[in-house]
């Protein structure tokens, strides 16, 4: 594909995508050879609806494809994009006031420092956004879900949409959910050095059929949510030297369901903290192992059901 060398001051976007803009089949190479820490503006700044970005490569951007912070960028289509060594953020999408699509986008970092600074995908208020086959390798956060203002009213909102067969690998945190309206996660794999999935804010999340693995901390850590439903997932530890870090730690949440999941034998399976109050753990399979399958430290007065779990 044709390559463009980007040599611009940090306040300028390389491409400004207004309503109806289309960009296809280009490589943007940011001029970092003489200064690896040089900062740039966004590779593509999204400022209007109906934008289509396809078959692009972004090499060494500070920020890749970014929402401008105020525009309605609904009907957005981004597909087949390869982003290498994003200094701060690969893709930031919010303010889509209906039906947008992100498919086959990979944020791939080989610079070691980016595992502590890069966010692969940052997603705010989006109305039925659909992500499929997107991937992040070696970032601080793979997918970060936050609140952002609606373009017209300024009222704060969060994601409504789903992820299908998306992947995070070799990242500090896989998914961090600070806020969601409704977030559906189906399939894919979330592998992280620390927490694979953090639920730390309002909203309803459904996770099904996902391969979830974490090293030094927890596969899923629930501190706050309206509800989380986890079914048919595979929980493993990437390493065996963190036996006290549970695959699932439940510290809060208005409604938590863990059902029909399979666990390996390398750590505690599910740990329920005294602060947990409303949860069901049922129909899960645990192998014979040296660690407890389920630790329930919740109050006897908590609304809970632990039933039909198979433990070795």
Protein backbone atom coordinates (compact mmCIF):
# COMPACT_ATOMS: atom_id res chain seq x y z
CA UNK A 1 0.00 0.00 0.00
CA UNK A 2 1.16 3.60 -0.50
CA UNK A 3 3.01 5.01 2.55
CA UNK A 4 2.83 8.55 3.88
CA UNK A 5 5.53 9.85 6.21
CA UNK A 6 3.87 11.86 8.98
CA UNK A 7 5.96 14.78 10.28
CA UNK A 8 3.56 17.17 11.99
CA UNK A 9 3.51 19.14 15.27
CA UNK A 10 1.70 17.42 18.16
CA UNK A 11 -1.31 19.75 17.99
CA UNK A 12 -2.26 18.70 14.45
CA UNK A 13 -4.19 15.64 13.30
CA UNK A 14 -2.83 13.93 10.22
CA UNK A 15 -6.31 13.29 8.76
CA UNK A 16 -9.55 15.00 9.82
CA UNK A 17 -12.50 12.79 8.89
CA UNK A 18 -15.62 14.91 8.52
CA UNK A 19 -19.10 13.56 7.70
CA UNK A 20 -19.07 10.96 4.95
CA UNK A 21 -15.29 10.76 4.67
CA UNK A 22 -13.69 7.54 3.41
CA UNK A 23 -10.06 6.46 3.70
CA UNK A 24 -8.76 3.23 2.18
CA UNK A 25 -5.50 1.43 1.50
CA UNK A 26 -2.83 3.68 3.05
CA UNK A 27 0.06 3.33 5.48
CA UNK A 28 0.85 6.23 7.83
CA UNK A 29 4.42 6.07 9.14
CA UNK A 30 5.12 8.55 11.94
CA UNK A 31 8.60 10.09 11.94
CA UNK A 32 10.02 8.67 15.17
CA UNK A 33 13.33 7.30 13.89
CA UNK A 34 15.45 10.14 15.30
CA UNK A 35 13.28 10.64 18.40
CA UNK A 36 11.42 7.51 19.58
CA UNK A 37 9.57 9.50 22.27
CA UNK A 38 8.31 12.19 19.91
CA UNK A 39 4.61 13.06 20.37
CA UNK A 40 2.09 13.48 17.54
CA UNK A 41 -1.55 14.40 17.14
CA UNK A 42 -4.12 11.77 16.12
CA UNK A 43 -3.51 9.82 12.94
CA UNK A 44 -7.25 10.14 12.15
CA UNK A 45 -9.55 12.55 13.98
CA UNK A 46 -13.24 11.58 13.76
CA UNK A 47 -15.50 14.65 13.39
CA UNK A 48 -18.62 13.47 11.56
CA UNK A 49 -21.05 10.66 10.87
CA UNK A 50 -20.86 8.00 8.21
CA UNK A 51 -17.06 7.77 8.16
CA UNK A 52 -15.47 4.65 6.64
CA UNK A 53 -11.85 3.68 7.37
CA UNK A 54 -10.62 0.46 5.76
CA UNK A 55 -7.33 -1.33 5.04
CA UNK A 56 -5.01 1.05 6.89
CA UNK A 57 -1.69 0.65 8.68
CA UNK A 58 -0.55 3.12 11.36
CA UNK A 59 3.11 2.85 12.38
CA UNK A 60 4.26 4.44 15.67
CA UNK A 61 1.39 6.88 16.24
CA UNK A 62 0.95 8.59 19.59
CA UNK A 63 -2.82 8.28 19.14
CA UNK A 64 -4.36 6.28 16.31
CA UNK A 65 -8.03 6.76 15.40
CA UNK A 66 -9.64 9.20 17.82
CA UNK A 67 -13.05 10.79 18.50
CA UNK A 68 -12.86 14.60 18.62
CA UNK A 69 -14.73 14.74 21.94
CA UNK A 70 -17.94 16.43 20.77
CA UNK A 71 -19.19 15.25 17.35
CA UNK A 72 -21.80 12.63 16.56
CA UNK A 73 -19.78 10.00 14.68
CA UNK A 74 -22.60 7.49 14.24
CA UNK A 75 -22.69 4.98 11.36
CA UNK A 76 -18.93 4.67 11.74
CA UNK A 77 -17.23 1.78 9.96
CA UNK A 78 -13.62 0.80 10.72
CA UNK A 79 -12.22 -2.48 9.44
CA UNK A 80 -8.96 -4.20 8.57
CA UNK A 81 -6.67 -1.76 10.39
CA UNK A 82 -3.23 -2.61 11.79
CA UNK A 83 -1.83 -0.22 14.44
CA UNK A 84 1.77 -0.74 15.56
CA UNK A 85 3.28 0.78 18.73
CA UNK A 86 0.52 3.21 19.72
CA UNK A 87 2.11 5.50 22.30
CA UNK A 88 -1.09 6.37 24.18
CA UNK A 89 -4.19 4.95 22.50
CA UNK A 90 -4.90 2.88 19.43
CA UNK A 91 -8.64 3.57 18.93
CA UNK A 92 -10.96 5.90 20.86
CA UNK A 93 -14.60 5.78 19.77
CA UNK A 94 -17.51 7.54 21.51
CA UNK A 95 -20.43 9.71 20.54
CA UNK A 96 -21.79 7.25 17.96
CA UNK A 97 -25.49 8.01 18.02
CA UNK A 98 -26.42 4.70 16.39
CA UNK A 99 -25.11 1.49 14.81
CA UNK A 100 -21.35 1.56 14.32
CA UNK A 101 -18.99 -1.27 13.45
CA UNK A 102 -15.35 -2.03 14.28
CA UNK A 103 -13.94 -5.20 12.74
CA UNK A 104 -10.51 -6.85 12.44
CA UNK A 105 -8.57 -4.03 14.09
CA UNK A 106 -5.31 -4.98 15.78
CA UNK A 107 -3.25 -2.82 18.15
CA UNK A 108 0.10 -4.58 18.31
CA UNK A 109 2.97 -3.25 20.41
CA UNK A 110 6.51 -4.56 20.45
CA UNK A 111 8.08 -1.62 22.31
CA UNK A 112 8.26 -2.90 25.91
CA UNK A 113 7.36 0.38 27.60
CA UNK A 114 3.93 0.43 25.97
CA UNK A 115 2.68 -2.32 28.27
CA UNK A 116 2.51 0.39 30.94
CA UNK A 117 1.21 3.31 28.86
CA UNK A 118 -0.91 2.21 25.88
CA UNK A 119 -4.66 1.65 25.83
CA UNK A 120 -5.65 -0.49 22.87
CA UNK A 121 -9.32 0.52 22.60
CA UNK A 122 -11.09 3.21 24.62
CA UNK A 123 -14.88 3.15 24.28
CA UNK A 124 -17.33 5.64 25.74
CA UNK A 125 -20.99 6.42 25.02
CA UNK A 126 -21.87 4.38 21.93
CA UNK A 127 -25.37 3.34 20.82
CA UNK A 128 -25.26 -0.29 19.66
CA UNK A 129 -21.64 -0.48 18.60
CA UNK A 130 -20.46 -3.86 17.28
CA UNK A 131 -16.86 -5.01 17.69
CA UNK A 132 -15.66 -8.22 16.09
CA UNK A 133 -12.27 -9.92 15.75
CA UNK A 134 -10.40 -7.00 17.31
CA UNK A 135 -7.13 -7.65 19.13
CA UNK A 136 -4.65 -5.98 21.47
CA UNK A 137 -1.14 -7.20 22.21
CA UNK A 138 1.06 -5.83 24.99
CA UNK A 139 -0.81 -2.80 26.33
CA UNK A 140 -1.52 -1.35 29.76
CA UNK A 141 -5.28 -1.85 29.13
CA UNK A 142 -6.68 -3.83 26.24
CA UNK A 143 -10.25 -2.45 26.17
CA UNK A 144 -11.26 0.42 28.48
CA UNK A 145 -14.96 1.29 28.85
CA UNK A 146 -15.66 4.77 30.24
CA UNK A 147 -18.36 7.44 30.47
CA UNK A 148 -18.37 10.25 27.90
CA UNK A 149 -20.89 13.01 27.10
CA UNK A 150 -23.63 12.62 24.50
CA UNK A 151 -22.79 14.94 21.58
CA UNK A 152 -25.98 17.02 21.74
CA UNK A 153 -27.01 17.10 25.39
CA UNK A 154 -23.74 16.71 27.26
CA UNK A 155 -25.38 14.09 29.46
CA UNK A 156 -22.95 11.35 30.44
CA UNK A 157 -23.40 7.93 28.86
CA UNK A 158 -21.61 4.63 28.38
CA UNK A 159 -21.41 1.78 25.92
CA UNK A 160 -24.37 -0.11 24.57
CA UNK A 161 -23.09 -2.86 22.33
CA UNK A 162 -21.12 -6.06 22.02
CA UNK A 163 -17.78 -7.73 21.39
CA UNK A 164 -17.50 -10.91 19.35
CA UNK A 165 -14.32 -13.04 19.25
CA UNK A 166 -12.00 -10.26 20.45
CA UNK A 167 -8.57 -10.93 21.93
CA UNK A 168 -6.24 -9.41 24.49
CA UNK A 169 -2.82 -10.95 25.01
CA UNK A 170 0.25 -10.13 27.12
CA UNK A 171 -1.33 -6.95 28.54
CA UNK A 172 -1.38 -5.63 32.10
CA UNK A 173 -5.22 -5.49 32.23
CA UNK A 174 -7.47 -7.10 29.66
CA UNK A 175 -10.83 -5.32 30.02
CA UNK A 176 -11.48 -2.45 32.41
CA UNK A 177 -15.15 -1.53 32.74
CA UNK A 178 -15.57 1.79 34.56
CA UNK A 179 -19.07 2.23 33.13
CA UNK A 180 -21.41 0.46 30.72
CA UNK A 181 -25.05 0.61 29.78
CA UNK A 182 -25.21 -2.88 28.29
CA UNK A 183 -22.02 -4.66 27.27
CA UNK A 184 -22.13 -8.12 25.68
CA UNK A 185 -18.89 -10.13 25.40
CA UNK A 186 -19.00 -13.40 23.50
CA UNK A 187 -16.11 -15.71 22.72
CA UNK A 188 -12.54 -14.57 22.28
CA UNK A 189 -9.71 -14.72 24.79
CA UNK A 190 -8.63 -12.29 27.48
CA UNK A 191 -5.10 -13.03 28.74
CA UNK A 192 -3.49 -10.56 31.15
CA UNK A 193 -0.50 -10.16 33.43
CA UNK A 194 -2.72 -8.82 36.24
CA UNK A 195 -6.55 -8.66 36.05
CA UNK A 196 -8.16 -10.07 32.93
CA UNK A 197 -11.50 -8.32 33.56
CA UNK A 198 -12.15 -5.49 36.04
CA UNK A 199 -15.75 -4.44 36.74
CA UNK A 200 -15.56 -1.18 38.63
CA UNK A 201 -18.66 0.81 37.74
CA UNK A 202 -22.31 0.93 36.80
CA UNK A 203 -23.97 -1.10 34.07
CA UNK A 204 -24.94 -4.58 32.91
CA UNK A 205 -22.31 -6.93 31.49
CA UNK A 206 -22.79 -10.37 29.94
CA UNK A 207 -19.73 -12.59 29.33
CA UNK A 208 -20.15 -15.95 27.62
CA UNK A 209 -17.88 -18.57 26.08
CA UNK A 210 -14.69 -16.60 26.73
CA UNK A 211 -11.19 -17.87 27.55
CA UNK A 212 -10.17 -15.83 30.61
CA UNK A 213 -6.64 -16.03 32.05
CA UNK A 214 -4.67 -13.86 34.44
CA UNK A 215 -1.33 -14.17 36.17
CA UNK A 216 -0.66 -12.26 39.36
CA UNK A 217 -4.23 -11.11 40.08
CA UNK A 218 -7.76 -12.24 39.19
CA UNK A 219 -9.48 -13.43 36.05
CA UNK A 220 -12.59 -11.40 36.90
CA UNK A 221 -12.58 -8.85 39.72
CA UNK A 222 -16.02 -7.47 40.58
CA UNK A 223 -16.04 -4.37 42.75
CA UNK A 224 -19.14 -2.64 41.37
CA UNK A 225 -21.77 -3.25 38.67
CA UNK A 226 -25.54 -3.30 38.21
CA UNK A 227 -25.25 -6.89 37.03
CA UNK A 228 -22.71 -9.29 35.58
CA UNK A 229 -23.67 -12.63 34.04
CA UNK A 230 -20.78 -15.02 33.35
CA UNK A 231 -21.65 -18.32 31.65
CA UNK A 232 -19.75 -21.06 29.86
CA UNK A 233 -16.30 -19.50 30.29
CA UNK A 234 -12.91 -21.16 30.71
CA UNK A 235 -10.77 -19.87 33.61
CA UNK A 236 -7.05 -20.63 33.80
CA UNK A 237 -3.86 -19.22 35.26
CA UNK A 238 -1.04 -18.46 32.87
CA UNK A 239 1.41 -19.30 35.67
CA UNK A 240 1.40 -21.35 38.86
CA UNK A 241 3.22 -18.98 41.24
CA UNK A 242 0.16 -16.95 42.36
CA UNK A 243 -1.97 -19.58 44.12
CA UNK A 244 -3.84 -17.08 46.33
CA UNK A 245 -5.14 -14.97 43.43
CA UNK A 246 -8.62 -16.31 42.68
CA UNK A 247 -9.91 -16.82 39.17
CA UNK A 248 -12.97 -14.79 40.25
CA UNK A 249 -13.05 -12.31 43.13
CA UNK A 250 -16.49 -10.95 44.06
CA UNK A 251 -16.36 -7.88 46.31
CA UNK A 252 -19.55 -6.14 45.23
CA UNK A 253 -22.11 -5.79 42.47
CA UNK A 254 -25.88 -5.56 42.76
CA UNK A 255 -26.33 -8.88 40.92
CA UNK A 256 -23.60 -11.44 40.12
CA UNK A 257 -24.09 -14.81 38.37
CA UNK A 258 -21.24 -17.28 37.70
CA UNK A 259 -22.59 -20.43 36.08
CA UNK A 260 -21.51 -23.30 33.85
CA UNK A 261 -17.82 -22.37 33.83
CA UNK A 262 -14.71 -24.58 33.86
CA UNK A 263 -11.72 -23.87 36.12
CA UNK A 264 -8.17 -25.24 36.18
CA UNK A 265 -6.28 -26.32 39.33
CA UNK A 266 -3.60 -23.61 39.64
CA UNK A 267 -5.29 -21.30 42.16
CA UNK A 268 -8.41 -20.62 44.22
CA UNK A 269 -11.45 -20.82 41.97
CA UNK A 270 -13.97 -18.25 43.28
CA UNK A 271 -13.42 -16.01 46.31
CA UNK A 272 -16.43 -14.17 47.72
CA UNK A 273 -15.56 -11.22 49.97
CA UNK A 274 -17.55 -10.16 53.07
CA UNK A 275 -18.87 -7.15 51.13
CA UNK A 276 -20.62 -9.31 48.50
CA UNK A 277 -24.37 -9.46 49.02
CA UNK A 278 -26.31 -10.71 45.98
CA UNK A 279 -24.83 -13.59 43.95
CA UNK A 280 -25.35 -17.05 42.48
CA UNK A 281 -22.55 -19.56 41.88
CA UNK A 282 -23.92 -22.70 40.26
CA UNK A 283 -23.12 -25.53 37.88
CA UNK A 284 -19.38 -24.88 37.67
CA UNK A 285 -16.68 -27.54 37.31
CA UNK A 286 -13.50 -27.52 39.40
CA UNK A 287 -10.78 -30.21 39.19
CA UNK A 288 -9.13 -31.87 42.13
CA UNK A 289 -6.66 -29.30 43.42
CA UNK A 290 -4.67 -28.15 46.44
CA UNK A 291 -6.63 -24.88 46.71
CA UNK A 292 -10.26 -24.29 47.69
CA UNK A 293 -12.66 -24.32 44.77
CA UNK A 294 -14.96 -21.72 46.40
CA UNK A 295 -14.29 -19.49 49.39
CA UNK A 296 -17.45 -17.86 50.72
CA UNK A 297 -16.72 -15.08 53.23
CA UNK A 298 -20.03 -13.29 52.72
CA UNK A 299 -22.50 -12.67 55.51
CA UNK A 300 -24.96 -15.46 56.41
CA UNK A 301 -27.66 -12.86 55.71
CA UNK A 302 -26.45 -12.20 52.15
CA UNK A 303 -28.82 -13.05 49.29
CA UNK A 304 -26.93 -15.96 47.72
CA UNK A 305 -27.15 -19.38 46.17
CA UNK A 306 -24.26 -21.84 45.87
CA UNK A 307 -25.51 -25.02 44.23
CA UNK A 308 -24.60 -27.94 41.95
CA UNK A 309 -20.91 -27.09 41.67
CA UNK A 310 -18.63 -30.07 40.97
CA UNK A 311 -15.33 -29.92 42.85
CA UNK A 312 -12.57 -32.52 43.11
